[in-house]
N, C-alpha and C. Protein backbone atom coordinates (compact mmCIF):
# COMPACT_ATOMS: atom_id res chain seq x y z
N MET A 1 0.85 -1.17 0.00
CA MET A 1 0.00 0.00 0.00
C MET A 1 0.90 1.24 0.00
N ARG A 2 0.63 2.11 -0.93
CA ARG A 2 1.39 3.35 -1.05
C ARG A 2 0.62 4.47 -0.35
N ILE A 3 1.31 5.19 0.51
CA ILE A 3 0.70 6.30 1.25
C ILE A 3 1.27 7.60 0.69
N GLY A 4 0.39 8.53 0.37
CA GLY A 4 0.83 9.83 -0.16
C GLY A 4 1.63 10.62 0.86
N ARG A 5 2.45 11.51 0.38
CA ARG A 5 3.33 12.28 1.25
C ARG A 5 2.56 13.14 2.25
N ASP A 6 1.48 13.80 1.77
CA ASP A 6 0.68 14.63 2.67
C ASP A 6 0.02 13.80 3.76
N SER A 7 -0.55 12.67 3.37
CA SER A 7 -1.18 11.79 4.36
C SER A 7 -0.15 11.26 5.35
N TRP A 8 1.02 10.90 4.84
CA TRP A 8 2.10 10.40 5.68
C TRP A 8 2.47 11.43 6.75
N ASN A 9 2.62 12.69 6.34
CA ASN A 9 3.00 13.75 7.28
C ASN A 9 1.89 14.02 8.29
N ILE A 10 0.65 13.99 7.84
CA ILE A 10 -0.47 14.21 8.76
C ILE A 10 -0.50 13.11 9.81
N ILE A 11 -0.35 11.87 9.38
CA ILE A 11 -0.41 10.74 10.31
C ILE A 11 0.76 10.80 11.29
N GLN A 12 1.96 11.12 10.81
CA GLN A 12 3.11 11.23 11.71
C GLN A 12 2.89 12.33 12.74
N ARG A 13 2.30 13.45 12.34
CA ARG A 13 2.01 14.53 13.28
C ARG A 13 1.02 14.08 14.34
N VAL A 14 0.00 13.34 13.92
CA VAL A 14 -0.98 12.81 14.88
C VAL A 14 -0.30 11.89 15.87
N ILE A 15 0.59 11.03 15.39
CA ILE A 15 1.29 10.09 16.27
C ILE A 15 2.20 10.85 17.24
N ARG A 16 2.94 11.83 16.73
CA ARG A 16 3.83 12.59 17.61
C ARG A 16 3.06 13.39 18.65
N ARG A 17 1.87 13.89 18.29
CA ARG A 17 1.06 14.67 19.23
C ARG A 17 0.27 13.80 20.20
N TYR A 18 0.34 12.48 20.09
CA TYR A 18 -0.49 11.60 20.90
C TYR A 18 -0.41 11.88 22.41
N PRO A 19 0.76 11.98 23.03
CA PRO A 19 0.78 12.23 24.49
C PRO A 19 0.09 13.54 24.87
N GLU A 20 0.31 14.59 24.11
CA GLU A 20 -0.32 15.87 24.39
C GLU A 20 -1.84 15.81 24.14
N SER A 21 -2.22 15.14 23.07
CA SER A 21 -3.65 14.99 22.76
C SER A 21 -4.36 14.19 23.84
N LYS A 22 -3.70 13.16 24.32
CA LYS A 22 -4.29 12.33 25.38
C LYS A 22 -4.51 13.16 26.64
N ARG A 23 -3.54 14.01 26.98
CA ARG A 23 -3.66 14.87 28.15
C ARG A 23 -4.80 15.87 27.97
N LYS A 24 -4.89 16.48 26.80
CA LYS A 24 -5.96 17.44 26.54
C LYS A 24 -7.33 16.77 26.60
N TYR A 25 -7.42 15.55 26.08
CA TYR A 25 -8.70 14.83 26.10
C TYR A 25 -9.09 14.50 27.54
N GLN A 26 -8.12 14.08 28.36
CA GLN A 26 -8.41 13.80 29.76
C GLN A 26 -8.84 15.07 30.49
N ASP A 27 -8.20 16.19 30.17
CA ASP A 27 -8.60 17.47 30.77
C ASP A 27 -10.03 17.83 30.37
N ALA A 28 -10.37 17.58 29.10
CA ALA A 28 -11.73 17.86 28.65
C ALA A 28 -12.74 16.96 29.35
N LEU A 29 -12.38 15.69 29.54
CA LEU A 29 -13.27 14.78 30.27
C LEU A 29 -13.45 15.24 31.71
N ASP A 30 -12.36 15.60 32.34
CA ASP A 30 -12.44 16.06 33.73
C ASP A 30 -13.27 17.34 33.84
N ALA A 31 -13.06 18.26 32.90
CA ALA A 31 -13.82 19.51 32.93
C ALA A 31 -15.30 19.26 32.68
N ALA A 32 -15.61 18.25 31.87
CA ALA A 32 -17.02 17.94 31.58
C ALA A 32 -17.68 17.25 32.76
N MET A 33 -16.96 16.38 33.41
CA MET A 33 -17.55 15.62 34.51
C MET A 33 -17.56 16.42 35.81
N TYR A 34 -16.55 17.26 36.00
CA TYR A 34 -16.46 18.07 37.23
C TYR A 34 -16.30 19.53 36.82
N PRO A 35 -17.37 20.20 36.42
CA PRO A 35 -17.24 21.54 35.83
C PRO A 35 -16.69 22.59 36.79
N GLY A 36 -16.86 22.47 38.08
CA GLY A 36 -16.37 23.47 39.01
C GLY A 36 -14.93 23.27 39.40
N ALA A 37 -14.31 22.15 38.97
CA ALA A 37 -12.96 21.83 39.39
C ALA A 37 -11.91 22.72 38.73
N SER A 38 -12.16 23.14 37.50
CA SER A 38 -11.17 23.97 36.82
C SER A 38 -11.84 25.19 36.22
N GLU A 39 -11.11 26.27 36.22
CA GLU A 39 -11.61 27.51 35.62
C GLU A 39 -11.40 27.47 34.12
N SER A 40 -12.21 28.17 33.40
CA SER A 40 -12.09 28.23 31.95
C SER A 40 -10.82 28.99 31.58
N LYS A 41 -10.00 28.38 30.72
CA LYS A 41 -8.76 29.00 30.29
C LYS A 41 -8.84 29.43 28.83
N GLY A 42 -10.04 29.39 28.27
CA GLY A 42 -10.19 29.77 26.88
C GLY A 42 -9.73 28.69 25.92
N ASP A 43 -9.68 27.43 26.35
CA ASP A 43 -9.26 26.35 25.48
C ASP A 43 -10.31 26.13 24.39
N PRO A 44 -9.88 25.75 23.19
CA PRO A 44 -10.83 25.62 22.08
C PRO A 44 -11.78 24.44 22.21
N TYR A 45 -11.52 23.49 23.11
CA TYR A 45 -12.40 22.33 23.22
C TYR A 45 -13.51 22.54 24.24
N GLU A 46 -13.57 23.70 24.86
CA GLU A 46 -14.65 23.98 25.80
C GLU A 46 -15.79 24.69 25.09
N VAL A 47 -17.00 24.42 25.54
CA VAL A 47 -18.19 25.04 24.97
C VAL A 47 -18.50 26.32 25.74
N ASP A 48 -18.86 27.35 25.02
CA ASP A 48 -19.23 28.62 25.64
C ASP A 48 -20.50 28.42 26.47
N PRO A 49 -20.49 28.76 27.75
CA PRO A 49 -21.66 28.50 28.59
C PRO A 49 -22.91 29.28 28.17
N ASP A 50 -22.75 30.42 27.50
CA ASP A 50 -23.92 31.19 27.05
C ASP A 50 -24.55 30.60 25.80
N TYR A 51 -23.81 29.76 25.08
CA TYR A 51 -24.31 29.20 23.84
C TYR A 51 -25.39 28.15 24.08
N THR A 52 -25.23 27.34 25.10
CA THR A 52 -26.21 26.29 25.40
C THR A 52 -26.66 26.44 26.84
N LYS A 53 -27.89 26.16 27.06
CA LYS A 53 -28.44 26.19 28.40
C LYS A 53 -28.87 24.78 28.78
N PRO A 54 -27.95 23.98 29.30
CA PRO A 54 -28.31 22.60 29.63
C PRO A 54 -29.27 22.54 30.81
N VAL A 55 -30.08 21.51 30.78
CA VAL A 55 -31.07 21.31 31.83
C VAL A 55 -30.45 20.61 33.04
N SER A 56 -29.55 19.68 32.77
CA SER A 56 -28.95 18.91 33.86
C SER A 56 -27.43 18.90 33.72
N ILE A 57 -26.77 18.38 34.74
CA ILE A 57 -25.31 18.27 34.71
C ILE A 57 -24.87 17.27 33.66
N THR A 58 -25.63 16.19 33.50
CA THR A 58 -25.31 15.18 32.51
C THR A 58 -25.41 15.75 31.09
N GLU A 59 -26.42 16.54 30.86
CA GLU A 59 -26.58 17.16 29.54
C GLU A 59 -25.46 18.15 29.27
N ALA A 60 -25.05 18.88 30.29
CA ALA A 60 -23.95 19.83 30.11
C ALA A 60 -22.66 19.09 29.78
N ALA A 61 -22.41 17.95 30.45
CA ALA A 61 -21.20 17.17 30.17
C ALA A 61 -21.25 16.62 28.75
N ALA A 62 -22.41 16.15 28.33
CA ALA A 62 -22.54 15.62 26.98
C ALA A 62 -22.31 16.71 25.93
N LEU A 63 -22.79 17.91 26.18
CA LEU A 63 -22.58 19.01 25.25
C LEU A 63 -21.10 19.39 25.15
N ARG A 64 -20.40 19.38 26.26
CA ARG A 64 -18.97 19.72 26.24
C ARG A 64 -18.17 18.67 25.49
N LEU A 65 -18.54 17.40 25.64
CA LEU A 65 -17.80 16.33 24.99
C LEU A 65 -18.20 16.15 23.53
N ASN A 66 -19.21 16.84 23.09
CA ASN A 66 -19.69 16.70 21.73
C ASN A 66 -19.12 17.75 20.79
N SER A 67 -18.18 18.55 21.25
CA SER A 67 -17.58 19.56 20.38
C SER A 67 -16.71 18.88 19.32
N PRO A 68 -16.57 19.49 18.15
CA PRO A 68 -15.77 18.88 17.08
C PRO A 68 -14.31 18.64 17.48
N TYR A 69 -13.75 19.54 18.27
CA TYR A 69 -12.35 19.39 18.69
C TYR A 69 -12.17 18.15 19.55
N VAL A 70 -13.07 17.95 20.51
CA VAL A 70 -12.97 16.79 21.40
C VAL A 70 -13.22 15.50 20.61
N GLN A 71 -14.15 15.54 19.67
CA GLN A 71 -14.42 14.36 18.85
C GLN A 71 -13.21 13.99 18.00
N ARG A 72 -12.52 14.99 17.45
CA ARG A 72 -11.33 14.73 16.65
C ARG A 72 -10.22 14.16 17.53
N LEU A 73 -10.04 14.74 18.73
CA LEU A 73 -9.05 14.20 19.66
C LEU A 73 -9.34 12.74 19.97
N LYS A 74 -10.60 12.43 20.25
CA LYS A 74 -10.98 11.07 20.59
C LYS A 74 -10.68 10.11 19.44
N LYS A 75 -10.99 10.52 18.23
CA LYS A 75 -10.75 9.68 17.05
C LYS A 75 -9.25 9.42 16.86
N GLU A 76 -8.43 10.47 17.01
CA GLU A 76 -6.99 10.32 16.85
C GLU A 76 -6.40 9.42 17.94
N ILE A 77 -6.84 9.62 19.17
CA ILE A 77 -6.33 8.83 20.29
C ILE A 77 -6.69 7.36 20.11
N GLU A 78 -7.93 7.09 19.74
CA GLU A 78 -8.34 5.70 19.54
C GLU A 78 -7.57 5.04 18.41
N ALA A 79 -7.30 5.78 17.33
CA ALA A 79 -6.55 5.23 16.21
C ALA A 79 -5.13 4.86 16.62
N VAL A 80 -4.46 5.76 17.34
CA VAL A 80 -3.08 5.49 17.76
C VAL A 80 -3.05 4.35 18.77
N GLU A 81 -3.98 4.34 19.74
CA GLU A 81 -3.97 3.29 20.75
C GLU A 81 -4.29 1.92 20.16
N THR A 82 -5.20 1.87 19.20
CA THR A 82 -5.54 0.60 18.57
C THR A 82 -4.33 0.04 17.83
N ALA A 83 -3.68 0.87 17.03
CA ALA A 83 -2.51 0.41 16.28
C ALA A 83 -1.36 0.06 17.23
N PHE A 84 -1.19 0.84 18.29
CA PHE A 84 -0.09 0.60 19.24
C PHE A 84 -0.30 -0.70 20.01
N ASN A 85 -1.54 -0.98 20.40
CA ASN A 85 -1.81 -2.19 21.17
C ASN A 85 -1.72 -3.45 20.33
N ASN A 86 -1.75 -3.34 19.00
CA ASN A 86 -1.60 -4.50 18.14
C ASN A 86 -0.14 -4.89 17.92
N LEU A 87 0.79 -4.09 18.43
CA LEU A 87 2.21 -4.39 18.30
C LEU A 87 2.69 -5.20 19.50
N ASP A 88 3.79 -5.94 19.31
CA ASP A 88 4.37 -6.62 20.47
C ASP A 88 5.24 -5.64 21.27
N SER A 89 5.75 -6.08 22.39
CA SER A 89 6.43 -5.16 23.32
C SER A 89 7.70 -4.54 22.73
N GLY A 90 8.45 -5.28 21.95
CA GLY A 90 9.65 -4.72 21.33
C GLY A 90 9.32 -3.65 20.31
N GLU A 91 8.28 -3.91 19.53
CA GLU A 91 7.84 -2.92 18.54
C GLU A 91 7.26 -1.69 19.23
N GLN A 92 6.58 -1.88 20.35
CA GLN A 92 6.05 -0.75 21.11
C GLN A 92 7.18 0.14 21.63
N SER A 93 8.26 -0.49 22.09
CA SER A 93 9.39 0.32 22.58
C SER A 93 10.03 1.10 21.43
N LEU A 94 10.04 0.53 20.23
CA LEU A 94 10.56 1.24 19.07
C LEU A 94 9.68 2.46 18.76
N ILE A 95 8.38 2.28 18.77
CA ILE A 95 7.46 3.39 18.47
C ILE A 95 7.59 4.48 19.52
N ARG A 96 7.68 4.09 20.79
CA ARG A 96 7.87 5.09 21.86
C ARG A 96 9.15 5.88 21.64
N ALA A 97 10.25 5.18 21.35
CA ALA A 97 11.54 5.85 21.17
C ALA A 97 11.54 6.71 19.91
N ARG A 98 10.93 6.26 18.87
CA ARG A 98 10.96 6.98 17.59
C ARG A 98 10.09 8.24 17.61
N PHE A 99 8.87 8.13 18.15
CA PHE A 99 7.92 9.23 18.02
C PHE A 99 7.73 10.06 19.28
N TRP A 100 7.91 9.49 20.45
CA TRP A 100 7.48 10.18 21.67
C TRP A 100 8.61 10.63 22.58
N VAL A 101 9.85 10.37 22.24
CA VAL A 101 10.96 10.88 23.04
C VAL A 101 11.10 12.38 22.82
N ASP A 102 11.12 12.79 21.56
CA ASP A 102 11.15 14.20 21.19
C ASP A 102 9.97 14.44 20.27
N GLN A 103 8.98 15.21 20.73
CA GLN A 103 7.75 15.37 19.97
C GLN A 103 7.90 16.37 18.82
N ASN A 104 9.00 17.08 18.75
CA ASN A 104 9.20 18.04 17.66
C ASN A 104 9.72 17.36 16.39
N LYS A 105 10.44 16.26 16.55
CA LYS A 105 10.97 15.55 15.39
C LYS A 105 11.12 14.07 15.74
N ASN A 106 11.15 13.25 14.73
CA ASN A 106 11.33 11.82 14.93
C ASN A 106 12.80 11.52 15.22
N GLN A 107 13.02 10.54 16.05
CA GLN A 107 14.39 10.09 16.30
C GLN A 107 14.91 9.35 15.07
N GLN A 108 16.16 9.53 14.74
CA GLN A 108 16.74 8.83 13.60
C GLN A 108 16.93 7.36 13.96
N TYR A 109 16.78 6.49 12.97
CA TYR A 109 16.87 5.05 13.22
C TYR A 109 18.24 4.65 13.73
N HIS A 110 19.30 5.25 13.20
CA HIS A 110 20.63 4.85 13.62
C HIS A 110 20.95 5.29 15.05
N LYS A 111 20.14 6.18 15.62
CA LYS A 111 20.34 6.59 17.01
C LYS A 111 19.60 5.68 17.99
N LEU A 112 18.80 4.77 17.48
CA LEU A 112 18.05 3.84 18.33
C LEU A 112 18.80 2.52 18.43
N PHE A 113 20.07 2.59 18.74
CA PHE A 113 20.92 1.41 18.74
C PHE A 113 20.64 0.45 19.89
N GLU A 114 19.90 0.88 20.92
CA GLU A 114 19.62 0.00 22.05
C GLU A 114 18.54 -1.03 21.74
N LEU A 115 17.86 -0.87 20.60
CA LEU A 115 16.81 -1.80 20.21
C LEU A 115 17.39 -2.93 19.37
N PRO A 116 16.85 -4.13 19.52
CA PRO A 116 17.44 -5.30 18.83
C PRO A 116 16.97 -5.47 17.39
N TYR A 117 16.77 -4.40 16.67
CA TYR A 117 16.28 -4.48 15.29
C TYR A 117 17.28 -3.85 14.34
N ALA A 118 17.33 -4.36 13.13
CA ALA A 118 18.11 -3.72 12.08
C ALA A 118 17.35 -2.49 11.61
N GLU A 119 18.06 -1.58 10.95
CA GLU A 119 17.43 -0.34 10.52
C GLU A 119 16.28 -0.58 9.55
N ILE A 120 16.44 -1.52 8.63
CA ILE A 120 15.38 -1.80 7.66
C ILE A 120 14.15 -2.39 8.35
N THR A 121 14.36 -3.17 9.39
CA THR A 121 13.24 -3.73 10.16
C THR A 121 12.52 -2.64 10.92
N MET A 122 13.27 -1.69 11.49
CA MET A 122 12.65 -0.57 12.19
C MET A 122 11.80 0.25 11.23
N LYS A 123 12.29 0.48 10.01
CA LYS A 123 11.52 1.24 9.02
C LYS A 123 10.24 0.50 8.65
N ARG A 124 10.34 -0.83 8.51
CA ARG A 124 9.16 -1.62 8.16
C ARG A 124 8.12 -1.58 9.28
N ILE A 125 8.57 -1.68 10.53
CA ILE A 125 7.65 -1.63 11.68
C ILE A 125 6.96 -0.27 11.75
N CYS A 126 7.72 0.81 11.58
CA CYS A 126 7.15 2.16 11.63
C CYS A 126 6.19 2.39 10.47
N ARG A 127 6.54 1.88 9.28
CA ARG A 127 5.66 2.05 8.12
C ARG A 127 4.33 1.30 8.35
N LYS A 128 4.42 0.09 8.93
CA LYS A 128 3.21 -0.68 9.23
C LYS A 128 2.36 0.03 10.28
N PHE A 129 3.01 0.61 11.29
CA PHE A 129 2.30 1.33 12.34
C PHE A 129 1.59 2.56 11.78
N ILE A 130 2.30 3.33 10.97
CA ILE A 130 1.72 4.52 10.37
C ILE A 130 0.54 4.15 9.47
N ALA A 131 0.67 3.07 8.71
CA ALA A 131 -0.43 2.63 7.85
C ALA A 131 -1.64 2.22 8.67
N ASN A 132 -1.43 1.52 9.78
CA ASN A 132 -2.55 1.10 10.63
C ASN A 132 -3.25 2.30 11.27
N VAL A 133 -2.47 3.29 11.72
CA VAL A 133 -3.07 4.50 12.30
C VAL A 133 -3.86 5.24 11.22
N GLY A 134 -3.30 5.36 10.03
CA GLY A 134 -4.00 6.03 8.93
C GLY A 134 -5.29 5.34 8.54
N LEU A 135 -5.29 4.02 8.53
CA LEU A 135 -6.52 3.28 8.23
C LEU A 135 -7.56 3.48 9.33
N SER A 136 -7.13 3.46 10.58
CA SER A 136 -8.07 3.64 11.69
C SER A 136 -8.67 5.05 11.70
N MET A 137 -7.89 6.04 11.31
CA MET A 137 -8.37 7.42 11.27
C MET A 137 -9.22 7.70 10.05
N GLY A 138 -9.04 6.89 9.01
CA GLY A 138 -9.74 7.14 7.75
C GLY A 138 -8.97 8.09 6.86
N GLU A 139 -7.73 8.34 7.17
CA GLU A 139 -6.90 9.24 6.36
C GLU A 139 -6.50 8.57 5.06
N ILE A 140 -6.30 7.26 5.08
CA ILE A 140 -5.97 6.50 3.87
C ILE A 140 -6.98 5.38 3.72
N SER A 141 -7.12 4.90 2.50
CA SER A 141 -8.04 3.80 2.26
C SER A 141 -7.25 2.53 2.01
N ASN A 142 -7.90 1.41 2.22
CA ASN A 142 -7.26 0.11 2.07
C ASN A 142 -7.42 -0.38 0.64
N GLU A 143 -6.63 0.17 -0.26
CA GLU A 143 -6.72 -0.22 -1.67
C GLU A 143 -5.47 -0.88 -2.11
């Protein structure tokens, strides 16, 4: 399966942002379930309280979690977690070292010398992981 350059870059960005996205999603869940616990910081995933007048606390939580930003975060997180959990432990350590050690750029394969894989095998594992995340997100099709 051939993945286009734009799709490849989008998927890699989603994977690199996974830890931060997971934290933001948890914050959104906490803010929805316990609205008085945190003050509004103007985050884009919060719903303006004047826009909707919920009848109950449950309805208010549902409205906050139904924003497009939170839905996109949820979709990205589920895609990365599904693909990550399908890997074995050695491959998971490769993905952690490659994408999540430095979130601004990917680690080079030759710098991951502590892993028991050849460079070509590491590239194949990362390519398979990126393809699985892209399929789960719907960014690429299975053709």
